[in-house]
Protein backbone atom coordinates (compact mmCIF):
# COMPACT_ATOMS: atom_id res chain seq x y z
CA UNK A 1 90.60 -194.15 -126.74
CA UNK A 2 91.53 -190.78 -125.57
CA UNK A 3 88.73 -188.70 -127.07
CA UNK A 4 86.13 -190.58 -125.66
CA UNK A 5 87.37 -191.41 -122.37
CA UNK A 6 89.39 -188.24 -121.56
CA UNK A 7 88.04 -184.92 -123.98
CA UNK A 8 85.63 -183.23 -121.95
CA UNK A 9 85.52 -185.35 -119.31
CA UNK A 10 86.21 -184.49 -115.50
CA UNK A 11 89.36 -185.10 -114.73
CA UNK A 12 91.16 -184.56 -111.12
CA UNK A 13 94.54 -182.41 -111.04
CA UNK A 14 96.12 -183.79 -107.96
CA UNK A 15 98.82 -180.89 -107.69
CA UNK A 16 96.44 -178.26 -107.73
CA UNK A 17 93.91 -180.60 -106.01
CA UNK A 18 91.18 -179.41 -107.93
CA UNK A 19 88.49 -180.65 -110.63
CA UNK A 20 88.27 -179.51 -114.34
CA UNK A 21 87.20 -180.80 -117.54
CA UNK A 22 89.51 -180.98 -120.32
CA UNK A 23 88.90 -178.91 -123.45
CA UNK A 24 92.40 -180.02 -125.42
CA UNK A 25 95.35 -182.85 -125.01
CA UNK A 26 99.07 -182.42 -125.71
CA UNK A 27 100.87 -185.06 -127.40
CA UNK A 28 104.66 -185.45 -127.95
CA UNK A 29 106.63 -188.48 -129.88
CA UNK A 30 109.09 -190.34 -126.56
CA UNK A 31 110.61 -193.80 -127.84
CA UNK A 32 108.72 -194.44 -130.77
CA UNK A 33 105.58 -193.52 -129.66
CA UNK A 34 103.04 -190.89 -129.42
CA UNK A 35 102.30 -189.94 -125.62
CA UNK A 36 99.89 -187.53 -123.68
CA UNK A 37 101.91 -185.25 -121.75
CA UNK A 38 99.86 -182.48 -121.48
CA UNK A 39 96.03 -181.53 -120.40
CA UNK A 40 95.01 -177.92 -121.89
CA UNK A 41 91.97 -176.79 -119.16
CA UNK A 42 91.47 -173.30 -121.11
CA UNK A 43 87.62 -172.52 -122.12
CA UNK A 44 89.16 -170.95 -125.28
CA UNK A 45 90.76 -174.60 -125.95
CA UNK A 46 86.97 -175.59 -125.88
CA UNK A 47 85.97 -173.49 -128.45
CA UNK A 48 88.38 -173.65 -130.69
CA UNK A 49 88.19 -177.56 -131.02
CA UNK A 50 83.35 -176.70 -131.37
CA UNK A 51 84.69 -174.14 -134.03
CA UNK A 52 87.92 -174.50 -135.71
CA UNK A 53 89.43 -172.18 -137.68
CA UNK A 54 87.80 -169.44 -135.89
CA UNK A 55 89.94 -169.06 -132.95
CA UNK A 56 94.00 -168.45 -132.96
CA UNK A 57 95.31 -172.03 -132.32
CA UNK A 58 98.31 -170.21 -129.97
CA UNK A 59 99.18 -173.14 -126.68
CA UNK A 60 97.49 -171.71 -123.73
CA UNK A 61 100.26 -172.99 -121.36
CA UNK A 62 98.43 -171.03 -117.88
CA UNK A 63 96.14 -173.69 -118.60
CA UNK A 64 97.26 -176.72 -118.56
CA UNK A 65 98.34 -179.39 -116.21
CA UNK A 66 100.49 -182.03 -116.66
CA UNK A 67 99.81 -185.84 -117.50
CA UNK A 68 101.63 -187.08 -114.53
CA UNK A 69 99.01 -185.26 -112.06
CA UNK A 70 96.47 -186.02 -113.99
CA UNK A 71 93.36 -188.71 -112.54
CA UNK A 72 91.40 -189.40 -115.54
CA UNK A 73 87.81 -190.17 -114.79
CA UNK A 74 85.29 -192.40 -117.13
CA UNK A 75 83.99 -195.01 -115.48
CA UNK A 76 84.59 -198.70 -113.94
CA UNK A 77 85.42 -200.34 -117.22
CA UNK A 78 87.16 -197.17 -118.89
CA UNK A 79 89.39 -195.09 -115.78
CA UNK A 80 92.94 -193.78 -118.34
CA UNK A 81 95.24 -193.98 -115.28
CA UNK A 82 98.45 -192.29 -115.69
CA UNK A 83 101.50 -193.40 -114.33
CA UNK A 84 101.99 -192.61 -110.36
CA UNK A 85 98.60 -191.12 -110.07
CA UNK A 86 97.35 -193.74 -107.31
CA UNK A 87 100.50 -192.99 -105.48
CA UNK A 88 99.67 -189.31 -105.50
CA UNK A 89 96.13 -189.73 -104.46
CA UNK A 90 97.51 -191.87 -101.85
CA UNK A 91 99.36 -188.64 -100.62
CA UNK A 92 96.92 -186.22 -100.13
CA UNK A 93 94.72 -186.15 -96.81
CA UNK A 94 91.69 -187.91 -96.55
CA UNK A 95 89.55 -184.43 -96.51
CA UNK A 96 91.22 -182.68 -99.70
CA UNK A 97 90.05 -186.47 -101.05
CA UNK A 98 86.53 -185.90 -99.94
CA UNK A 99 86.64 -182.15 -101.38
CA UNK A 100 87.53 -183.79 -104.61
CA UNK A 101 85.28 -186.35 -105.07
CA UNK A 102 82.31 -183.97 -103.72
CA UNK A 103 82.99 -181.53 -106.64
CA UNK A 104 82.86 -184.62 -109.17
CA UNK A 105 79.51 -186.18 -110.86
CA UNK A 106 77.97 -188.75 -110.83
CA UNK A 107 79.97 -192.04 -112.07
CA UNK A 108 83.04 -189.91 -112.11
CA UNK A 109 82.92 -189.90 -108.62
CA UNK A 110 82.89 -193.60 -108.26
CA UNK A 111 85.36 -194.01 -110.49
CA UNK A 112 87.70 -192.11 -108.44
CA UNK A 113 86.95 -194.18 -104.94
CA UNK A 114 87.58 -196.98 -107.66
CA UNK A 115 91.62 -195.84 -107.75
CA UNK A 116 91.94 -195.16 -104.23
CA UNK A 117 93.11 -198.05 -101.20
CA UNK A 118 89.62 -199.57 -99.67
CA UNK A 119 91.41 -198.21 -95.74
CA UNK A 120 92.08 -195.13 -97.63
CA UNK A 121 88.52 -195.19 -99.05
CA UNK A 122 86.88 -195.27 -95.93
CA UNK A 123 88.33 -192.50 -94.49
CA UNK A 124 87.78 -190.28 -97.33
CA UNK A 125 84.06 -191.42 -96.81
CA UNK A 126 83.85 -190.50 -93.43
CA UNK A 127 85.24 -186.89 -94.05
CA UNK A 128 81.93 -186.75 -96.76
CA UNK A 129 78.48 -184.56 -96.18
CA UNK A 130 75.58 -186.68 -95.50
CA UNK A 131 73.89 -186.01 -98.60
CA UNK A 132 77.61 -186.73 -101.05
CA UNK A 133 77.94 -189.83 -99.34
CA UNK A 134 74.26 -191.26 -99.76
CA UNK A 135 74.56 -190.13 -103.21
CA UNK A 136 77.98 -191.93 -103.81
CA UNK A 137 77.23 -195.52 -102.56
CA UNK A 138 74.14 -195.30 -104.91
CA UNK A 139 76.68 -195.19 -107.65
CA UNK A 140 77.76 -198.28 -105.69
CA UNK A 141 77.49 -202.04 -105.76
CA UNK A 142 76.36 -203.59 -102.28
CA UNK A 143 79.83 -205.11 -102.35
CA UNK A 144 81.70 -202.45 -102.74
CA UNK A 145 79.75 -200.11 -100.26
CA UNK A 146 79.61 -202.92 -97.93
CA UNK A 147 83.78 -203.79 -97.98
CA UNK A 148 84.65 -199.46 -97.32
CA UNK A 149 81.27 -199.13 -94.94
CA UNK A 150 82.62 -201.99 -93.15
CA UNK A 151 86.31 -200.27 -92.75
CA UNK A 152 85.30 -196.89 -91.32
CA UNK A 153 84.55 -196.58 -87.52
CA UNK A 154 81.26 -198.38 -86.20
CA UNK A 155 79.17 -195.44 -85.09
CA UNK A 156 80.33 -193.40 -88.94
CA UNK A 157 79.02 -196.92 -90.55
CA UNK A 158 75.87 -196.97 -87.91
CA UNK A 159 75.03 -193.26 -89.40
CA UNK A 160 75.26 -193.18 -92.97
CA UNK A 161 73.70 -196.46 -92.62
CA UNK A 162 70.70 -194.93 -90.55
CA UNK A 163 70.38 -192.49 -93.62
CA UNK A 164 69.54 -194.82 -96.10
CA UNK A 165 66.55 -196.51 -97.02
CA UNK A 166 65.46 -199.94 -96.19
CA UNK A 167 66.24 -201.76 -99.25
CA UNK A 168 69.27 -199.72 -100.22
CA UNK A 169 70.58 -200.46 -96.27
CA UNK A 170 69.83 -203.89 -95.93
CA UNK A 171 71.16 -204.88 -99.62
CA UNK A 172 74.78 -203.03 -98.22
CA UNK A 173 74.23 -205.00 -94.73
CA UNK A 174 73.06 -207.87 -96.77
CA UNK A 175 76.81 -208.55 -98.76
CA UNK A 176 79.25 -207.66 -94.89
CA UNK A 177 80.55 -210.22 -93.01
CA UNK A 178 77.95 -211.82 -90.70
CA UNK A 179 79.66 -210.57 -87.55
CA UNK A 180 80.15 -207.03 -88.48
CA UNK A 181 76.58 -206.71 -90.06
CA UNK A 182 75.48 -207.46 -87.11
CA UNK A 183 76.75 -204.61 -84.50
CA UNK A 184 75.94 -202.36 -87.47
CA UNK A 185 72.36 -203.71 -86.90
CA UNK A 186 72.29 -203.30 -83.48
CA UNK A 187 73.91 -199.86 -83.52
CA UNK A 188 71.15 -198.01 -86.16
CA UNK A 189 68.29 -199.70 -84.44
CA UNK A 190 69.51 -196.76 -81.74
CA UNK A 191 67.83 -193.32 -81.36
CA UNK A 192 70.39 -190.75 -82.73
CA UNK A 193 69.12 -189.05 -79.35
CA UNK A 194 70.40 -191.36 -77.15
CA UNK A 195 73.68 -192.31 -76.14
CA UNK A 196 74.16 -195.87 -78.20
CA UNK A 197 73.06 -193.88 -81.28
CA UNK A 198 76.59 -192.24 -81.49
CA UNK A 199 78.69 -194.40 -79.38
CA UNK A 200 81.25 -196.33 -80.89
CA UNK A 201 81.99 -200.15 -80.44
CA UNK A 202 85.84 -200.00 -80.96
CA UNK A 203 86.96 -199.88 -77.58
CA UNK A 204 90.39 -201.37 -76.05
CA UNK A 205 89.63 -203.39 -72.78
CA UNK A 206 92.05 -205.63 -70.75
CA UNK A 207 91.54 -207.46 -67.79
CA UNK A 208 92.66 -206.33 -64.44
CA UNK A 209 94.60 -209.55 -64.50
CA UNK A 210 96.48 -208.50 -67.71
CA UNK A 211 100.46 -207.31 -67.60
CA UNK A 212 100.81 -204.02 -67.95
CA UNK A 213 102.92 -205.06 -71.63
CA UNK A 214 100.07 -207.03 -72.53
CA UNK A 215 98.00 -203.66 -72.63
CA UNK A 216 101.10 -201.80 -74.42
CA UNK A 217 100.51 -204.77 -77.29
CA UNK A 218 97.13 -204.15 -77.75
CA UNK A 219 97.50 -200.77 -78.21
CA UNK A 220 100.27 -200.86 -80.69
CA UNK A 221 98.16 -203.44 -82.58
CA UNK A 222 95.08 -200.66 -82.96
CA UNK A 223 97.77 -197.71 -83.01
CA UNK A 224 95.69 -196.59 -85.89
CA UNK A 225 92.03 -196.39 -84.12
CA UNK A 226 90.36 -193.48 -82.35
CA UNK A 227 90.61 -195.62 -79.70
CA UNK A 228 94.25 -196.27 -78.94
CA UNK A 229 94.09 -193.58 -76.19
CA UNK A 230 93.99 -196.37 -73.82
CA UNK A 231 92.39 -199.46 -72.21
CA UNK A 232 89.08 -200.38 -70.43
CA UNK A 233 90.08 -202.78 -67.82
CA UNK A 234 87.41 -204.75 -66.17
CA UNK A 235 87.10 -207.73 -63.68
CA UNK A 236 86.50 -211.12 -64.17
CA UNK A 237 83.60 -210.57 -64.77
CA UNK A 238 83.87 -207.98 -67.66
CA UNK A 239 82.70 -204.88 -65.49
CA UNK A 240 84.12 -201.80 -65.77
CA UNK A 241 86.56 -200.89 -63.53
CA UNK A 242 88.78 -198.34 -64.97
CA UNK A 243 90.28 -196.70 -67.84
CA UNK A 244 93.83 -196.12 -68.45
CA UNK A 245 95.54 -193.56 -70.78
CA UNK A 246 98.25 -194.19 -72.42
CA UNK A 247 100.54 -192.64 -71.28
CA UNK A 248 100.28 -194.07 -67.51
CA UNK A 249 100.99 -197.83 -69.04
CA UNK A 250 103.97 -196.30 -70.57
CA UNK A 251 105.22 -194.79 -67.46
CA UNK A 252 104.89 -197.70 -65.36
CA UNK A 253 106.49 -201.59 -64.61
CA UNK A 254 105.52 -203.78 -68.15
CA UNK A 255 105.70 -205.99 -65.36
CA UNK A 256 103.37 -204.58 -63.39
CA UNK A 257 99.61 -205.69 -63.57
CA UNK A 258 96.86 -203.47 -64.70
CA UNK A 259 95.31 -203.77 -61.93
CA UNK A 260 97.65 -201.83 -59.63
CA UNK A 261 96.99 -198.82 -61.44
CA UNK A 262 93.44 -198.67 -61.02
CA UNK A 263 92.25 -195.72 -58.77
CA UNK A 264 90.08 -191.96 -58.94
CA UNK A 265 89.07 -190.92 -60.64
CA UNK A 266 87.10 -193.54 -62.25
CA UNK A 267 85.98 -192.96 -65.47
CA UNK A 268 82.33 -191.25 -66.36
CA UNK A 269 79.71 -194.41 -67.44
CA UNK A 270 76.96 -194.00 -69.46
CA UNK A 271 74.02 -196.26 -70.41
CA UNK A 272 73.27 -196.98 -73.85
CA UNK A 273 68.98 -195.21 -73.78
CA UNK A 274 70.93 -192.34 -71.65
CA UNK A 275 70.00 -189.46 -73.54
CA UNK A 276 72.13 -186.82 -75.55
CA UNK A 277 71.67 -183.86 -73.48
CA UNK A 278 72.04 -185.67 -70.18
CA UNK A 279 75.85 -186.95 -71.81
CA UNK A 280 76.65 -183.32 -72.83
CA UNK A 281 76.59 -182.45 -69.27
CA UNK A 282 78.78 -186.07 -67.93
CA UNK A 283 81.34 -184.51 -70.07
CA UNK A 284 80.79 -180.85 -68.50
CA UNK A 285 81.44 -182.02 -65.35
CA UNK A 286 83.88 -184.75 -66.00
CA UNK A 287 86.06 -182.65 -68.55
CA UNK A 288 87.55 -185.93 -70.54
CA UNK A 289 88.04 -187.14 -73.99
CA UNK A 290 85.37 -189.67 -73.90
CA UNK A 291 82.59 -191.58 -71.88
CA UNK A 292 82.27 -195.27 -71.82
CA UNK A 293 78.80 -197.00 -72.43
CA UNK A 294 77.95 -199.77 -70.50
CA UNK A 295 74.81 -202.25 -70.46
CA UNK A 296 72.72 -203.41 -67.90
CA UNK A 297 75.47 -205.52 -66.18
CA UNK A 298 77.91 -202.83 -65.90
CA UNK A 299 80.36 -203.98 -68.81
CA UNK A 300 81.38 -201.73 -71.70
CA UNK A 301 79.87 -201.88 -74.62
CA UNK A 302 81.13 -198.65 -76.14
CA UNK A 303 82.61 -195.26 -76.22
CA UNK A 304 81.74 -191.76 -76.71
CA UNK A 305 84.46 -189.24 -78.45
CA UNK A 306 84.18 -186.22 -77.24
CA UNK A 307 84.25 -184.97 -81.25
CA UNK A 308 81.06 -187.25 -81.94
CA UNK A 309 79.18 -185.71 -79.19
CA UNK A 310 80.48 -182.50 -80.69
CA UNK A 311 79.22 -184.01 -84.73
CA UNK A 312 76.03 -185.19 -83.26
CA UNK A 313 75.19 -181.68 -81.55
CA UNK A 314 75.82 -179.50 -84.99
CA UNK A 315 74.01 -182.10 -87.16
CA UNK A 316 70.80 -181.77 -85.29
CA UNK A 317 70.91 -178.50 -84.05
CA UNK A 318 66.94 -178.63 -83.04
CA UNK A 319 66.84 -181.99 -82.35
CA UNK A 320 68.55 -181.37 -78.93
CA UNK A 321 67.20 -178.72 -76.39
CA UNK A 322 69.22 -178.02 -72.57
CA UNK A 323 66.27 -179.16 -71.06
CA UNK A 324 65.90 -182.28 -72.34
CA UNK A 325 65.84 -184.48 -75.48
CA UNK A 326 63.23 -183.13 -77.94
CA UNK A 327 62.15 -183.80 -81.14
CA UNK A 328 61.66 -181.12 -83.95
């Protein structure tokens, strides 16, 4: 098993945050068993295995990785997991895990993803480069891809789906819960050069007649989401009135009505059909952290974060011009 599943395979050195290839293994007796205690990753050890007797059998400790910090990756049915590996991986930042996955090849990328909790795996996917993410999704089942994309921010999921071919995209959407699939199909339909193409539909909405305590409770329940910097306030018909920052709510009497906090300056709003360049101009004029997206009835349907706007512009240089929206 070790020969087939570990030797000459890529492994993840969790402590060293790197992907390496196994050249040899170190074994030791423990409680009447023989256990793996280390992994030799040196090229010399690899050559020694290929040409027995031609090189010294002296150990190379500088190139040995502790087995306890190793995640050995083969495929979905033959992953060799060390004790504590899953826990160790969960302590890494999503960006670091994304770098590790991008350094892996083929099915070993999927094997590492399978070792992560779904929420963490979704965060990792958001950090990956577009082409690497597309390749990873091709190696996952439609059901697993659907699960992970459903946990990502809607705008991030829509961006990924938009880049897939029609057949692959539909196979993933068909495996999703119907409400989520409908939401993402709607987002994917927007042109990336328009506000709807980069907005997220995760917004926290409260009525003006709600209490501050109710608004704070909603924020607590959604504290891990990027949309949790405040709440969008609507009237009885669902029309946009204001955007109240979290700090304003915390400083207010919990028994007060949200309507008592509504005041100028009112939030900047654009429609889903607003060109990106106009969105940029609105951000420049108002210097806020986000812009509300409304429909034709002035009802909030999404929000554009400053970070998402920067990402869209950096990924599509040449697609947008300051004088207007253009296609290259």
